[in-house]
PDB file of N, CA and C in Angstrom:
ATOM      1  N   UNK A   1     -17.600   8.132 -10.077  1.00  0.00           N
ATOM      2  CA  UNK A   1     -16.508   7.206 -10.251  1.00  0.00           C
ATOM      3  C   UNK A   1     -17.024   5.791  -9.976  1.00  0.00           C
ATOM      4  N   UNK A   2     -16.770   4.850 -10.890  1.00  0.00           N
ATOM      5  CA  UNK A   2     -17.244   3.477 -10.674  1.00  0.00           C
ATOM      6  C   UNK A   2     -16.463   2.797  -9.552  1.00  0.00           C
ATOM      7  N   UNK A   3     -17.050   1.782  -8.915  1.00  0.00           N
ATOM      8  CA  UNK A   3     -16.337   1.075  -7.850  1.00  0.00           C
ATOM      9  C   UNK A   3     -15.094   0.376  -8.402  1.00  0.00           C
ATOM     10  N   UNK A   4     -14.095   0.244  -7.558  1.00  0.00           N
ATOM     11  CA  UNK A   4     -12.836  -0.395  -7.941  1.00  0.00           C
ATOM     12  C   UNK A   4     -12.957  -1.904  -7.739  1.00  0.00           C
ATOM     13  N   UNK A   5     -12.537  -2.669  -8.735  1.00  0.00           N
ATOM     14  CA  UNK A   5     -12.509  -4.131  -8.625  1.00  0.00           C
ATOM     15  C   UNK A   5     -11.222  -4.505  -7.895  1.00  0.00           C
ATOM     16  N   UNK A   6     -11.300  -4.549  -6.574  1.00  0.00           N
ATOM     17  CA  UNK A   6     -10.101  -4.753  -5.753  1.00  0.00           C
ATOM     18  C   UNK A   6      -9.432  -6.096  -5.997  1.00  0.00           C
ATOM     19  N   UNK A   7     -10.173  -7.106  -6.425  1.00  0.00           N
ATOM     20  CA  UNK A   7      -9.589  -8.430  -6.666  1.00  0.00           C
ATOM     21  C   UNK A   7      -8.494  -8.372  -7.729  1.00  0.00           C
ATOM     22  N   UNK A   8      -8.580  -7.427  -8.642  1.00  0.00           N
ATOM     23  CA  UNK A   8      -7.569  -7.303  -9.698  1.00  0.00           C
ATOM     24  C   UNK A   8      -6.221  -6.839  -9.149  1.00  0.00           C
ATOM     25  N   UNK A   9      -6.225  -6.267  -7.968  1.00  0.00           N
ATOM     26  CA  UNK A   9      -4.988  -5.738  -7.390  1.00  0.00           C
ATOM     27  C   UNK A   9      -4.288  -6.726  -6.459  1.00  0.00           C
ATOM     28  N   UNK A  10      -4.910  -7.870  -6.172  1.00  0.00           N
ATOM     29  CA  UNK A  10      -4.271  -8.871  -5.325  1.00  0.00           C
ATOM     30  C   UNK A  10      -3.005  -9.356  -6.037  1.00  0.00           C
ATOM     31  N   UNK A  11      -1.892  -9.335  -5.328  1.00  0.00           N
ATOM     32  CA  UNK A  11      -0.605  -9.721  -5.906  1.00  0.00           C
ATOM     33  C   UNK A  11       0.173  -8.555  -6.486  1.00  0.00           C
ATOM     34  N   UNK A  12      -0.433  -7.376  -6.511  1.00  0.00           N
ATOM     35  CA  UNK A  12       0.228  -6.197  -7.069  1.00  0.00           C
ATOM     36  C   UNK A  12       1.054  -5.482  -6.009  1.00  0.00           C
ATOM     37  N   UNK A  13       2.100  -4.829  -6.458  1.00  0.00           N
ATOM     38  CA  UNK A  13       2.877  -3.974  -5.569  1.00  0.00           C
ATOM     39  C   UNK A  13       2.092  -2.712  -5.276  1.00  0.00           C
ATOM     40  N   UNK A  14       1.988  -2.352  -4.005  1.00  0.00           N
ATOM     41  CA  UNK A  14       1.232  -1.163  -3.612  1.00  0.00           C
ATOM     42  C   UNK A  14       2.049  -0.305  -2.657  1.00  0.00           C
ATOM     43  N   UNK A  15       1.664   0.948  -2.590  1.00  0.00           N
ATOM     44  CA  UNK A  15       2.205   1.883  -1.602  1.00  0.00           C
ATOM     45  C   UNK A  15       1.026   2.386  -0.792  1.00  0.00           C
ATOM     46  N   UNK A  16       1.113   2.219   0.536  1.00  0.00           N
ATOM     47  CA  UNK A  16       0.030   2.617   1.434  1.00  0.00           C
ATOM     48  C   UNK A  16       0.535   3.742   2.324  1.00  0.00           C
ATOM     49  N   UNK A  17      -0.153   4.877   2.279  1.00  0.00           N
ATOM     50  CA  UNK A  17       0.150   6.001   3.159  1.00  0.00           C
ATOM     51  C   UNK A  17      -0.773   5.897   4.362  1.00  0.00           C
ATOM     52  N   UNK A  18      -0.179   5.881   5.555  1.00  0.00           N
ATOM     53  CA  UNK A  18      -0.959   5.749   6.782  1.00  0.00           C
ATOM     54  C   UNK A  18      -1.258   7.113   7.385  1.00  0.00           C
ATOM     55  N   UNK A  19      -2.275   7.182   8.225  1.00  0.00           N
ATOM     56  CA  UNK A  19      -2.687   8.434   8.864  1.00  0.00           C
ATOM     57  C   UNK A  19      -1.560   9.077   9.674  1.00  0.00           C
ATOM     58  N   UNK A  20      -0.657   8.273  10.235  1.00  0.00           N
ATOM     59  CA  UNK A  20       0.431   8.829  11.052  1.00  0.00           C
ATOM     60  C   UNK A  20       1.648   9.241  10.229  1.00  0.00           C
ATOM     61  N   UNK A  21       1.549   9.163   8.888  1.00  0.00           N
ATOM     62  CA  UNK A  21       2.626   9.619   8.022  1.00  0.00           C
ATOM     63  C   UNK A  21       3.571   8.527   7.542  1.00  0.00           C
ATOM     64  N   UNK A  22       3.491   7.338   8.119  1.00  0.00           N
ATOM     65  CA  UNK A  22       4.344   6.246   7.645  1.00  0.00           C
ATOM     66  C   UNK A  22       3.885   5.792   6.265  1.00  0.00           C
ATOM     67  N   UNK A  23       4.833   5.229   5.506  1.00  0.00           N
ATOM     68  CA  UNK A  23       4.543   4.701   4.177  1.00  0.00           C
ATOM     69  C   UNK A  23       4.946   3.233   4.153  1.00  0.00           C
ATOM     70  N   UNK A  24       4.041   2.387   3.655  1.00  0.00           N
ATOM     71  CA  UNK A  24       4.306   0.957   3.534  1.00  0.00           C
ATOM     72  C   UNK A  24       4.343   0.593   2.058  1.00  0.00           C
ATOM     73  N   UNK A  25       5.437  -0.032   1.623  1.00  0.00           N
ATOM     74  CA  UNK A  25       5.569  -0.534   0.254  1.00  0.00           C
ATOM     75  C   UNK A  25       5.616  -2.048   0.324  1.00  0.00           C
ATOM     76  N   UNK A  26       4.703  -2.724  -0.373  1.00  0.00           N
ATOM     77  CA  UNK A  26       4.681  -4.180  -0.331  1.00  0.00           C
ATOM     78  C   UNK A  26       3.720  -4.755  -1.355  1.00  0.00           C
ATOM     79  N   UNK A  27       3.465  -6.041  -1.222  1.00  0.00           N
ATOM     80  CA  UNK A  27       2.578  -6.762  -2.132  1.00  0.00           C
ATOM     81  C   UNK A  27       1.229  -6.976  -1.461  1.00  0.00           C
ATOM     82  N   UNK A  28       0.167  -6.540  -2.124  1.00  0.00           N
ATOM     83  CA  UNK A  28      -1.179  -6.718  -1.583  1.00  0.00           C
ATOM     84  C   UNK A  28      -1.550  -8.192  -1.652  1.00  0.00           C
ATOM     85  N   UNK A  29      -1.846  -8.779  -0.487  1.00  0.00           N
ATOM     86  CA  UNK A  29      -2.148 -10.202  -0.398  1.00  0.00           C
ATOM     87  C   UNK A  29      -3.640 -10.452  -0.212  1.00  0.00           C
ATOM     88  N   UNK A  30      -4.270  -9.697   0.671  1.00  0.00           N
ATOM     89  CA  UNK A  30      -5.688  -9.901   0.991  1.00  0.00           C
ATOM     90  C   UNK A  30      -6.327  -8.566   1.358  1.00  0.00           C
ATOM     91  N   UNK A  31      -7.595  -8.410   0.985  1.00  0.00           N
ATOM     92  CA  UNK A  31      -8.444  -7.350   1.525  1.00  0.00           C
ATOM     93  C   UNK A  31      -9.614  -8.076   2.175  1.00  0.00           C
ATOM     94  N   UNK A  32      -9.749  -7.928   3.491  1.00  0.00           N
ATOM     95  CA  UNK A  32     -10.823  -8.665   4.170  1.00  0.00           C
ATOM     96  C   UNK A  32     -12.168  -7.955   3.969  1.00  0.00           C
ATOM     97  N   UNK A  33     -13.269  -8.559   4.400  1.00  0.00           N
ATOM     98  CA  UNK A  33     -14.595  -7.961   4.188  1.00  0.00           C
ATOM     99  C   UNK A  33     -14.781  -6.593   4.848  1.00  0.00           C
ATOM    100  N   UNK A  34     -13.902  -6.240   5.783  1.00  0.00           N
ATOM    101  CA  UNK A  34     -14.007  -4.956   6.475  1.00  0.00           C
ATOM    102  C   UNK A  34     -13.084  -3.898   5.884  1.00  0.00           C
ATOM    103  N   UNK A  35     -12.333  -4.246   4.838  1.00  0.00           N
ATOM    104  CA  UNK A  35     -11.438  -3.297   4.199  1.00  0.00           C
ATOM    105  C   UNK A  35     -10.041  -3.251   4.782  1.00  0.00           C
ATOM    106  N   UNK A  36      -9.730  -4.139   5.720  1.00  0.00           N
ATOM    107  CA  UNK A  36      -8.369  -4.216   6.253  1.00  0.00           C
ATOM    108  C   UNK A  36      -7.479  -4.874   5.205  1.00  0.00           C
ATOM    109  N   UNK A  37      -6.220  -4.456   5.153  1.00  0.00           N
ATOM    110  CA  UNK A  37      -5.285  -4.964   4.152  1.00  0.00           C
ATOM    111  C   UNK A  37      -4.277  -5.906   4.788  1.00  0.00           C
ATOM    112  N   UNK A  38      -3.856  -6.903   4.031  1.00  0.00           N
ATOM    113  CA  UNK A  38      -2.739  -7.745   4.425  1.00  0.00           C
ATOM    114  C   UNK A  38      -1.695  -7.585   3.334  1.00  0.00           C
ATOM    115  N   UNK A  39      -0.508  -7.112   3.738  1.00  0.00           N
ATOM    116  CA  UNK A  39       0.590  -6.878   2.805  1.00  0.00           C
ATOM    117  C   UNK A  39       1.744  -7.804   3.141  1.00  0.00           C
ATOM    118  N   UNK A  40       2.479  -8.235   2.107  1.00  0.00           N
ATOM    119  CA  UNK A  40       3.637  -9.092   2.294  1.00  0.00           C
ATOM    120  C   UNK A  40       4.872  -8.395   1.730  1.00  0.00           C
ATOM    121  N   UNK A  41       6.045  -8.808   2.201  1.00  0.00           N
ATOM    122  CA  UNK A  41       7.323  -8.232   1.749  1.00  0.00           C
ATOM    123  C   UNK A  41       7.316  -6.710   1.914  1.00  0.00           C
ATOM    124  N   UNK A  42       6.935  -6.252   3.084  1.00  0.00           N
ATOM    125  CA  UNK A  42       6.716  -4.825   3.334  1.00  0.00           C
ATOM    126  C   UNK A  42       7.979  -4.125   3.822  1.00  0.00           C
ATOM    127  N   UNK A  43       8.199  -2.949   3.246  1.00  0.00           N
ATOM    128  CA  UNK A  43       9.211  -2.012   3.733  1.00  0.00           C
ATOM    129  C   UNK A  43       8.465  -0.798   4.264  1.00  0.00           C
ATOM    130  N   UNK A  44       8.813  -0.387   5.477  1.00  0.00           N
ATOM    131  CA  UNK A  44       8.188   0.777   6.113  1.00  0.00           C
ATOM    132  C   UNK A  44       9.156   1.950   6.060  1.00  0.00           C
ATOM    133  N   UNK A  45       8.659   3.104   5.657  1.00  0.00           N
ATOM    134  CA  UNK A  45       9.442   4.338   5.655  1.00  0.00           C
ATOM    135  C   UNK A  45       8.747   5.321   6.583  1.00  0.00           C
ATOM    136  N   UNK A  46       9.527   5.927   7.488  1.00  0.00           N
ATOM    137  CA  UNK A  46       8.947   6.892   8.428  1.00  0.00           C
ATOM    138  C   UNK A  46       9.949   8.006   8.698  1.00  0.00           C
ATOM    139  N   UNK A  47       9.418   9.146   9.110  1.00  0.00           N
ATOM    140  CA  UNK A  47      10.265  10.288   9.454  1.00  0.00           C
ATOM    141  C   UNK A  47      10.858  10.082  10.842  1.00  0.00           C
ATOM    142  N   UNK A  48      12.069  10.579  11.018  1.00  0.00           N
ATOM    143  CA  UNK A  48      12.710  10.557  12.336  1.00  0.00           C
ATOM    144  C   UNK A  48      11.959  11.536  13.233  1.00  0.00           C
ATOM    145  N   UNK A  49      11.603  11.120  14.434  1.00  0.00           N
ATOM    146  CA  UNK A  49      10.816  11.979  15.325  1.00  0.00           C
ATOM    147  C   UNK A  49      11.620  13.140  15.893  1.00  0.00           C
ATOM    148  N   UNK A  50      12.931  12.974  16.009  1.00  0.00           N
ATOM    149  CA  UNK A  50      13.766  14.052  16.536  1.00  0.00           C
ATOM    150  C   UNK A  50      14.278  14.980  15.444  1.00  0.00           C
ATOM    151  N   UNK A  51      14.457  14.443  14.241  1.00  0.00           N
ATOM    152  CA  UNK A  51      14.942  15.241  13.121  1.00  0.00           C
ATOM    153  C   UNK A  51      14.114  14.882  11.887  1.00  0.00           C
ATOM    154  N   UNK A  52      13.004  15.594  11.647  1.00  0.00           N
ATOM    155  CA  UNK A  52      12.088  15.248  10.556  1.00  0.00           C
ATOM    156  C   UNK A  52      12.713  15.267   9.158  1.00  0.00           C
ATOM    157  N   UNK A  53      13.909  15.842   9.014  1.00  0.00           N
ATOM    158  CA  UNK A  53      14.554  15.831   7.701  1.00  0.00           C
ATOM    159  C   UNK A  53      15.174  14.469   7.393  1.00  0.00           C
ATOM    160  N   UNK A  54      15.264  13.595   8.396  1.00  0.00           N
ATOM    161  CA  UNK A  54      15.797  12.243   8.212  1.00  0.00           C
ATOM    162  C   UNK A  54      14.653  11.240   8.132  1.00  0.00           C
ATOM    163  N   UNK A  55      14.870  10.162   7.383  1.00  0.00           N
ATOM    164  CA  UNK A  55      13.874   9.097   7.311  1.00  0.00           C
ATOM    165  C   UNK A  55      14.502   7.768   7.708  1.00  0.00           C
ATOM    166  N   UNK A  56      13.661   6.880   8.179  1.00  0.00           N
ATOM    167  CA  UNK A  56      14.070   5.522   8.532  1.00  0.00           C
ATOM    168  C   UNK A  56      13.343   4.564   7.602  1.00  0.00           C
ATOM    169  N   UNK A  57      14.038   3.515   7.191  1.00  0.00           N
ATOM    170  CA  UNK A  57      13.434   2.494   6.332  1.00  0.00           C
ATOM    171  C   UNK A  57      13.788   1.135   6.918  1.00  0.00           C
ATOM    172  N   UNK A  58      12.772   0.283   7.080  1.00  0.00           N
ATOM    173  CA  UNK A  58      13.027  -1.044   7.637  1.00  0.00           C
ATOM    174  C   UNK A  58      12.131  -2.083   6.985  1.00  0.00           C
ATOM    175  N   UNK A  59      12.656  -3.298   6.913  1.00  0.00           N
ATOM    176  CA  UNK A  59      11.932  -4.444   6.363  1.00  0.00           C
ATOM    177  C   UNK A  59      11.086  -5.030   7.485  1.00  0.00           C
ATOM    178  N   UNK A  60       9.754  -5.039   7.304  1.00  0.00           N
ATOM    179  CA  UNK A  60       8.893  -5.567   8.368  1.00  0.00           C
ATOM    180  C   UNK A  60       8.083  -6.785   7.927  1.00  0.00           C
ATOM    181  N   UNK A  61       8.306  -7.280   6.710  1.00  0.00           N
ATOM    182  CA  UNK A  61       7.704  -8.546   6.282  1.00  0.00           C
ATOM    183  C   UNK A  61       6.208  -8.501   6.056  1.00  0.00           C
ATOM    184  N   UNK A  62       5.475  -9.348   6.786  1.00  0.00           N
ATOM    185  CA  UNK A  62       4.022  -9.480   6.644  1.00  0.00           C
ATOM    186  C   UNK A  62       3.322  -8.540   7.623  1.00  0.00           C
ATOM    187  N   UNK A  63       2.385  -7.732   7.105  1.00  0.00           N
ATOM    188  CA  UNK A  63       1.741  -6.713   7.938  1.00  0.00           C
ATOM    189  C   UNK A  63       0.237  -6.685   7.690  1.00  0.00           C
ATOM    190  N   UNK A  64      -0.522  -6.607   8.773  1.00  0.00           N
ATOM    191  CA  UNK A  64      -1.958  -6.371   8.707  1.00  0.00           C
ATOM    192  C   UNK A  64      -2.183  -4.878   8.934  1.00  0.00           C
ATOM    193  N   UNK A  65      -2.899  -4.242   8.015  1.00  0.00           N
ATOM    194  CA  UNK A  65      -3.116  -2.797   8.084  1.00  0.00           C
ATOM    195  C   UNK A  65      -4.603  -2.528   8.308  1.00  0.00           C
ATOM    196  N   UNK A  66      -4.982  -2.028   9.487  1.00  0.00           N
ATOM    197  CA  UNK A  66      -6.396  -1.722   9.740  1.00  0.00           C
ATOM    198  C   UNK A  66      -6.906  -0.619   8.807  1.00  0.00           C
ATOM    199  N   UNK A  67      -8.101  -0.789   8.305  1.00  0.00           N
ATOM    200  CA  UNK A  67      -8.696   0.175   7.376  1.00  0.00           C
ATOM    201  C   UNK A  67      -8.673   1.602   7.932  1.00  0.00           C
ATOM    202  N   UNK A  68      -8.946   1.745   9.213  1.00  0.00           N
ATOM    203  CA  UNK A  68      -9.027   3.077   9.825  1.00  0.00           C
ATOM    204  C   UNK A  68      -7.700   3.827   9.796  1.00  0.00           C
ATOM    205  N   UNK A  69      -6.581   3.131   9.582  1.00  0.00           N
ATOM    206  CA  UNK A  69      -5.274   3.791   9.582  1.00  0.00           C
ATOM    207  C   UNK A  69      -4.812   4.179   8.184  1.00  0.00           C
ATOM    208  N   UNK A  70      -5.550   3.781   7.147  1.00  0.00           N
ATOM    209  CA  UNK A  70      -5.139   4.007   5.763  1.00  0.00           C
ATOM    210  C   UNK A  70      -5.634   5.366   5.272  1.00  0.00           C
ATOM    211  N   UNK A  71      -4.707   6.176   4.792  1.00  0.00           N
ATOM    212  CA  UNK A  71      -5.064   7.461   4.183  1.00  0.00           C
ATOM    213  C   UNK A  71      -5.175   7.326   2.667  1.00  0.00           C
ATOM    214  N   UNK A  72      -4.240   6.574   2.053  1.00  0.00           N
ATOM    215  CA  UNK A  72      -4.216   6.468   0.593  1.00  0.00           C
ATOM    216  C   UNK A  72      -3.527   5.166   0.185  1.00  0.00           C
ATOM    217  N   UNK A  73      -4.003   4.567  -0.906  1.00  0.00           N
ATOM    218  CA  UNK A  73      -3.370   3.377  -1.482  1.00  0.00           C
ATOM    219  C   UNK A  73      -3.108   3.668  -2.948  1.00  0.00           C
ATOM    220  N   UNK A  74      -1.905   3.347  -3.408  1.00  0.00           N
ATOM    221  CA  UNK A  74      -1.574   3.580  -4.808  1.00  0.00           C
ATOM    222  C   UNK A  74      -0.746   2.449  -5.382  1.00  0.00           C
ATOM    223  N   UNK A  75      -0.688   2.406  -6.712  1.00  0.00           N
ATOM    224  CA  UNK A  75       0.158   1.454  -7.422  1.00  0.00           C
ATOM    225  C   UNK A  75       1.034   2.241  -8.390  1.00  0.00           C
ATOM    226  N   UNK A  76       2.098   1.604  -8.868  1.00  0.00           N
ATOM    227  CA  UNK A  76       2.964   2.263  -9.841  1.00  0.00           C
ATOM    228  C   UNK A  76       2.232   2.369 -11.176  1.00  0.00           C
ATOM    229  N   UNK A  77       2.629   3.323 -12.021  1.00  0.00           N
ATOM    230  CA  UNK A  77       2.009   3.412 -13.349  1.00  0.00           C
ATOM    231  C   UNK A  77       2.142   2.108 -14.144  1.00  0.00           C
ATOM    232  N   UNK A  78       3.273   1.417 -14.012  1.00  0.00           N
ATOM    233  CA  UNK A  78       3.470   0.156 -14.736  1.00  0.00           C
ATOM    234  C   UNK A  78       2.481  -0.902 -14.254  1.00  0.00           C
ATOM    235  N   UNK A  79       2.275  -0.983 -12.944  1.00  0.00           N
ATOM    236  CA  UNK A  79       1.313  -1.943 -12.397  1.00  0.00           C
ATOM    237  C   UNK A  79      -0.097  -1.595 -12.859  1.00  0.00           C
ATOM    238  N   UNK A  80      -0.449  -0.324 -12.834  1.00  0.00           N
ATOM    239  CA  UNK A  80      -1.781   0.099 -13.273  1.00  0.00           C
ATOM    240  C   UNK A  80      -2.003  -0.261 -14.742  1.00  0.00           C
ATOM    241  N   UNK A  81      -0.991  -0.011 -15.585  1.00  0.00           N
ATOM    242  CA  UNK A  81      -1.111  -0.319 -17.015  1.00  0.00           C
ATOM    243  C   UNK A  81      -1.261  -1.816 -17.248  1.00  0.00           C
ATOM    244  N   UNK A  82      -0.611  -2.619 -16.418  1.00  0.00           N
ATOM    245  CA  UNK A  82      -0.724  -4.071 -16.554  1.00  0.00           C
ATOM    246  C   UNK A  82      -2.129  -4.547 -16.162  1.00  0.00           C
ATOM    247  N   UNK A  83      -2.685  -3.955 -15.123  1.00  0.00           N
ATOM    248  CA  UNK A  83      -4.014  -4.346 -14.651  1.00  0.00           C
ATOM    249  C   UNK A  83      -5.112  -3.781 -15.555  1.00  0.00           C
ATOM    250  N   UNK A  84      -4.898  -2.579 -16.073  1.00  0.00           N
ATOM    251  CA  UNK A  84      -5.875  -1.901 -16.937  1.00  0.00           C
ATOM    252  C   UNK A  84      -5.219  -1.557 -18.271  1.00  0.00           C
ATOM    253  N   UNK A  85      -5.018  -2.539 -19.151  1.00  0.00           N
ATOM    254  CA  UNK A  85      -4.369  -2.232 -20.429  1.00  0.00           C
ATOM    255  C   UNK A  85      -5.197  -1.240 -21.238  1.00  0.00           C
ATOM    256  N   UNK A  86      -4.525  -0.360 -21.986  1.00  0.00           N
ATOM    257  CA  UNK A  86      -5.261   0.618 -22.796  1.00  0.00           C
ATOM    258  C   UNK A  86      -6.130  -0.083 -23.844  1.00  0.00           C
ATOM    259  N   UNK A  87      -7.291   0.488 -24.082  1.00  0.00           N
ATOM    260  CA  UNK A  87      -8.198  -0.071 -25.099  1.00  0.00           C
ATOM    261  C   UNK A  87      -7.651   0.217 -26.485  1.00  0.00           C
ATOM    262  N   UNK A  88      -7.817  -0.731 -27.375  1.00  0.00           N
ATOM    263  CA  UNK A  88      -7.323  -0.556 -28.751  1.00  0.00           C
ATOM    264  C   UNK A  88      -8.334   0.180 -29.592  1.00  0.00           C
TER     265      UNK A  88
END
């Protein structure tokens, strides 16, 4: 698999799954030289600790996400198609 050109994703809406199960939805603002992410306009979704069938969602704004806490990063199909248009 070729390396990902991360600069193309700056400004894109992303979903970040963290190691502890929380999900962050926001706009990718910066990836520092160590792979840490800075997200803006972030909404956090997490499971209720007492009743895992319930979820909590809160607006947390600007967030720095340490690389070691990231399990997965994804974009919507529409965002991916915009960044990587199909070849003619």
